[in-house]
Amino acid sequence: SDYKPISEPSRILFYDGECGLCAQSVRFFLRIDRHKHLSFAPLQGETAQGYLPANLRDAQCFSTVVYLRSDSDGQSLLLRSDAVARALIDVGGVWSYLGRLLRLTPTYLRDWGYNLIAKSRLKFFPNGACAIPTEQARERLLP
């Protein structure tokens, strides 16, 4: 395949770099992730090209949030609502309870809700090119 596994422990949330809702979601995660567990990269960027299989970088998949999670247990790729729930758990604190609660909901229901939002995201949140303000935040945004 054309992607490489990451060697160091890492957690990267891949999002649609053209989507306003995705940009707001990244800002939300930057705000709640006080321990800086997560990094963020657009699905259209270099980091995605290096780490994700081609099928997840296809323009048809830009509505799919992808969470690449690497730790001592190995590496996993989570998609859609699974990605969001696991990222919330990894942020820790009260957010981990919300993530666990989300995972108690059957996947088909979670993904149905996720897909409903994803389908209309560009209509309601057309512009993704909003600046991420702080220098600290910028170092967690991968190309």
C-alpha atoms as a PDB file:
ATOM      1  CA  SER A   1       0.000   0.000   0.000  1.00  0.00           C
ATOM      2  CA  ASP A   2       1.019   3.632  -0.376  1.00  0.00           C
ATOM      3  CA  TYR A   3       0.909   4.733   3.247  1.00  0.00           C
ATOM      4  CA  LYS A   4       3.342   4.174   6.087  1.00  0.00           C
ATOM      5  CA  PRO A   5       2.574   3.140   9.640  1.00  0.00           C
ATOM      6  CA  ILE A   6       3.717   5.649  12.241  1.00  0.00           C
ATOM      7  CA  SER A   7       6.346   4.497  14.674  1.00  0.00           C
ATOM      8  CA  GLU A   8       5.958   6.943  17.558  1.00  0.00           C
ATOM      9  CA  PRO A   9       2.752   7.064  19.617  1.00  0.00           C
ATOM     10  CA  SER A  10       0.476   9.476  17.848  1.00  0.00           C
ATOM     11  CA  ARG A  11      -3.131  10.544  17.499  1.00  0.00           C
ATOM     12  CA  ILE A  12      -4.116  12.442  14.389  1.00  0.00           C
ATOM     13  CA  LEU A  13      -7.642  13.548  13.580  1.00  0.00           C
ATOM     14  CA  PHE A  14      -8.048  13.997   9.807  1.00  0.00           C
ATOM     15  CA  TYR A  15     -10.812  16.308   8.587  1.00  0.00           C
ATOM     16  CA  ASP A  16     -12.063  18.003   5.420  1.00  0.00           C
ATOM     17  CA  GLY A  17      -9.910  21.121   5.101  1.00  0.00           C
ATOM     18  CA  GLU A  18     -12.570  22.815   2.930  1.00  0.00           C
ATOM     19  CA  CYS A  19     -15.427  22.413   5.407  1.00  0.00           C
ATOM     20  CA  GLY A  20     -16.503  25.138   7.834  1.00  0.00           C
ATOM     21  CA  LEU A  21     -18.076  22.656  10.264  1.00  0.00           C
ATOM     22  CA  CYS A  22     -14.851  20.630  10.280  1.00  0.00           C
ATOM     23  CA  ALA A  23     -12.794  23.782  10.964  1.00  0.00           C
ATOM     24  CA  GLN A  24     -15.104  24.632  13.884  1.00  0.00           C
ATOM     25  CA  SER A  25     -14.788  21.049  15.157  1.00  0.00           C
ATOM     26  CA  VAL A  26     -10.982  21.283  15.067  1.00  0.00           C
ATOM     27  CA  ARG A  27     -11.129  24.558  17.027  1.00  0.00           C
ATOM     28  CA  PHE A  28     -13.445  22.853  19.535  1.00  0.00           C
ATOM     29  CA  PHE A  29     -11.004  19.937  19.995  1.00  0.00           C
ATOM     30  CA  LEU A  30      -8.050  22.340  20.305  1.00  0.00           C
ATOM     31  CA  ARG A  31      -9.934  24.104  23.106  1.00  0.00           C
ATOM     32  CA  ILE A  32     -10.938  21.003  25.084  1.00  0.00           C
ATOM     33  CA  ASP A  33      -7.696  19.016  24.552  1.00  0.00           C
ATOM     34  CA  ARG A  34      -5.785  20.680  27.389  1.00  0.00           C
ATOM     35  CA  HIS A  35      -3.126  17.929  27.531  1.00  0.00           C
ATOM     36  CA  LYS A  36      -2.443  18.196  23.791  1.00  0.00           C
ATOM     37  CA  HIS A  37      -3.083  14.536  22.996  1.00  0.00           C
ATOM     38  CA  LEU A  38      -4.366  15.208  19.469  1.00  0.00           C
ATOM     39  CA  SER A  39      -2.904  16.598  16.267  1.00  0.00           C
ATOM     40  CA  PHE A  40      -5.011  17.599  13.279  1.00  0.00           C
ATOM     41  CA  ALA A  41      -4.502  17.337   9.530  1.00  0.00           C
ATOM     42  CA  PRO A  42      -6.697  17.951   6.480  1.00  0.00           C
ATOM     43  CA  LEU A  43      -7.610  14.909   4.386  1.00  0.00           C
ATOM     44  CA  GLN A  44      -6.348  16.906   1.394  1.00  0.00           C
ATOM     45  CA  GLY A  45      -2.874  17.470   2.936  1.00  0.00           C
ATOM     46  CA  GLU A  46       0.617  15.959   2.921  1.00  0.00           C
ATOM     47  CA  THR A  47       0.199  14.224   6.289  1.00  0.00           C
ATOM     48  CA  ALA A  48      -2.882  12.354   5.038  1.00  0.00           C
ATOM     49  CA  GLN A  49      -0.956  11.344   1.932  1.00  0.00           C
ATOM     50  CA  GLY A  50       1.798   9.907   4.099  1.00  0.00           C
ATOM     51  CA  TYR A  51      -0.377   8.050   6.586  1.00  0.00           C
ATOM     52  CA  LEU A  52      -3.755   7.187   5.087  1.00  0.00           C
ATOM     53  CA  PRO A  53      -4.659   4.655   2.409  1.00  0.00           C
ATOM     54  CA  ALA A  54      -5.722   6.183  -0.937  1.00  0.00           C
ATOM     55  CA  ASN A  55      -9.392   5.197  -0.527  1.00  0.00           C
ATOM     56  CA  LEU A  56      -9.701   7.423   2.573  1.00  0.00           C
ATOM     57  CA  ARG A  57      -8.112  10.365   0.739  1.00  0.00           C
ATOM     58  CA  ASP A  58     -10.553  10.184  -2.164  1.00  0.00           C
ATOM     59  CA  ALA A  59     -12.735  13.301  -2.584  1.00  0.00           C
ATOM     60  CA  GLN A  60     -15.796  11.094  -1.980  1.00  0.00           C
ATOM     61  CA  CYS A  61     -14.530  10.470   1.559  1.00  0.00           C
ATOM     62  CA  PHE A  62     -13.954  14.072   2.621  1.00  0.00           C
ATOM     63  CA  SER A  63     -17.176  13.935   4.634  1.00  0.00           C
ATOM     64  CA  THR A  64     -15.577  11.184   6.743  1.00  0.00           C
ATOM     65  CA  VAL A  65     -13.571  12.139   9.812  1.00  0.00           C
ATOM     66  CA  VAL A  66     -10.644   9.715  10.189  1.00  0.00           C
ATOM     67  CA  TYR A  67      -8.813   9.172  13.466  1.00  0.00           C
ATOM     68  CA  LEU A  68      -5.403   7.546  13.257  1.00  0.00           C
ATOM     69  CA  ARG A  69      -4.487   6.279  16.683  1.00  0.00           C
ATOM     70  CA  SER A  70      -1.122   4.740  17.407  1.00  0.00           C
ATOM     71  CA  ASP A  71       0.030   3.523  20.810  1.00  0.00           C
ATOM     72  CA  SER A  72       1.735   0.549  22.466  1.00  0.00           C
ATOM     73  CA  ASP A  73      -1.175  -1.717  21.419  1.00  0.00           C
ATOM     74  CA  GLY A  74      -0.576  -0.912  17.752  1.00  0.00           C
ATOM     75  CA  GLN A  75      -2.321   1.277  15.256  1.00  0.00           C
ATOM     76  CA  SER A  76      -5.985   1.745  14.419  1.00  0.00           C
ATOM     77  CA  LEU A  77      -7.999   3.798  11.956  1.00  0.00           C
ATOM     78  CA  LEU A  78     -11.424   4.874  13.143  1.00  0.00           C
ATOM     79  CA  LEU A  79     -14.054   6.498  10.946  1.00  0.00           C
ATOM     80  CA  ARG A  80     -17.063   8.793  11.358  1.00  0.00           C
ATOM     81  CA  SER A  81     -18.773   8.591  14.767  1.00  0.00           C
ATOM     82  CA  ASP A  82     -16.243   5.998  16.023  1.00  0.00           C
ATOM     83  CA  ALA A  83     -13.472   8.533  15.303  1.00  0.00           C
ATOM     84  CA  VAL A  84     -15.275  11.339  17.157  1.00  0.00           C
ATOM     85  CA  ALA A  85     -16.143   9.142  20.166  1.00  0.00           C
ATOM     86  CA  ARG A  86     -12.586   7.782  20.513  1.00  0.00           C
ATOM     87  CA  ALA A  87     -11.042  11.249  20.127  1.00  0.00           C
ATOM     88  CA  LEU A  88     -13.321  12.522  22.926  1.00  0.00           C
ATOM     89  CA  ILE A  89     -12.236   9.597  25.121  1.00  0.00           C
ATOM     90  CA  ASP A  90      -8.568  10.362  24.391  1.00  0.00           C
ATOM     91  CA  VAL A  91      -9.011  14.043  25.298  1.00  0.00           C
ATOM     92  CA  GLY A  92      -9.907  12.844  28.786  1.00  0.00           C
ATOM     93  CA  GLY A  93     -11.742  14.499  31.632  1.00  0.00           C
ATOM     94  CA  VAL A  94     -15.493  14.921  31.338  1.00  0.00           C
ATOM     95  CA  TRP A  95     -15.179  14.534  27.545  1.00  0.00           C
ATOM     96  CA  SER A  96     -14.130  10.898  27.920  1.00  0.00           C
ATOM     97  CA  TYR A  97     -17.490  10.164  29.570  1.00  0.00           C
ATOM     98  CA  LEU A  98     -19.296  11.777  26.650  1.00  0.00           C
ATOM     99  CA  GLY A  99     -17.218   9.675  24.236  1.00  0.00           C
ATOM    100  CA  ARG A 100     -18.008   6.482  26.161  1.00  0.00           C
ATOM    101  CA  LEU A 101     -21.690   7.401  26.251  1.00  0.00           C
ATOM    102  CA  LEU A 102     -21.609   7.950  22.506  1.00  0.00           C
ATOM    103  CA  ARG A 103     -20.075   4.499  22.025  1.00  0.00           C
ATOM    104  CA  LEU A 104     -22.957   2.898  23.958  1.00  0.00           C
ATOM    105  CA  THR A 105     -25.269   4.033  21.152  1.00  0.00           C
ATOM    106  CA  PRO A 106     -25.409   1.439  18.357  1.00  0.00           C
ATOM    107  CA  THR A 107     -22.983   2.281  15.526  1.00  0.00           C
ATOM    108  CA  TYR A 108     -25.678   2.272  12.841  1.00  0.00           C
ATOM    109  CA  LEU A 109     -27.613   4.966  14.765  1.00  0.00           C
ATOM    110  CA  ARG A 110     -24.496   7.052  15.450  1.00  0.00           C
ATOM    111  CA  ASP A 111     -23.380   6.865  11.825  1.00  0.00           C
ATOM    112  CA  TRP A 112     -26.892   7.655  10.591  1.00  0.00           C
ATOM    113  CA  GLY A 113     -26.784  10.906  12.608  1.00  0.00           C
ATOM    114  CA  TYR A 114     -23.198  11.560  11.530  1.00  0.00           C
ATOM    115  CA  ASN A 115     -24.059  11.056   7.838  1.00  0.00           C
ATOM    116  CA  LEU A 116     -27.109  13.305   8.130  1.00  0.00           C
ATOM    117  CA  ILE A 117     -24.913  16.154   9.421  1.00  0.00           C
ATOM    118  CA  ALA A 118     -22.094  15.377   6.957  1.00  0.00           C
ATOM    119  CA  LYS A 119     -24.480  15.561   3.998  1.00  0.00           C
ATOM    120  CA  SER A 120     -25.613  19.112   4.749  1.00  0.00           C
ATOM    121  CA  ARG A 121     -22.388  20.425   6.340  1.00  0.00           C
ATOM    122  CA  LEU A 122     -21.227  22.421   3.304  1.00  0.00           C
ATOM    123  CA  LYS A 123     -24.639  24.058   2.928  1.00  0.00           C
ATOM    124  CA  PHE A 124     -24.726  25.320   6.525  1.00  0.00           C
ATOM    125  CA  PHE A 125     -20.967  25.790   7.029  1.00  0.00           C
ATOM    126  CA  PRO A 126     -19.614  26.746   3.602  1.00  0.00           C
ATOM    127  CA  ASN A 127     -16.217  28.220   4.464  1.00  0.00           C
ATOM    128  CA  GLY A 128     -13.452  26.155   6.049  1.00  0.00           C
ATOM    129  CA  ALA A 129     -10.621  28.648   5.699  1.00  0.00           C
ATOM    130  CA  CYS A 130     -10.912  30.221   9.153  1.00  0.00           C
ATOM    131  CA  ALA A 131      -7.636  31.085  10.854  1.00  0.00           C
ATOM    132  CA  ILE A 132      -6.577  29.081  13.894  1.00  0.00           C
ATOM    133  CA  PRO A 133      -5.419  31.875  16.197  1.00  0.00           C
ATOM    134  CA  THR A 134      -2.634  30.832  18.546  1.00  0.00           C
ATOM    135  CA  GLU A 135       0.927  29.747  17.816  1.00  0.00           C
ATOM    136  CA  GLN A 136       0.441  26.816  20.225  1.00  0.00           C
ATOM    137  CA  ALA A 137      -2.548  25.623  18.215  1.00  0.00           C
ATOM    138  CA  ARG A 138      -0.625  25.994  14.952  1.00  0.00           C
ATOM    139  CA  GLU A 139       2.052  23.504  16.025  1.00  0.00           C
ATOM    140  CA  ARG A 140      -0.648  20.829  16.383  1.00  0.00           C
ATOM    141  CA  LEU A 141      -1.961  21.432  12.863  1.00  0.00           C
ATOM    142  CA  LEU A 142      -0.110  19.203  10.444  1.00  0.00           C
ATOM    143  CA  PRO A 143       0.120  19.953   6.700  1.00  0.00           C
END
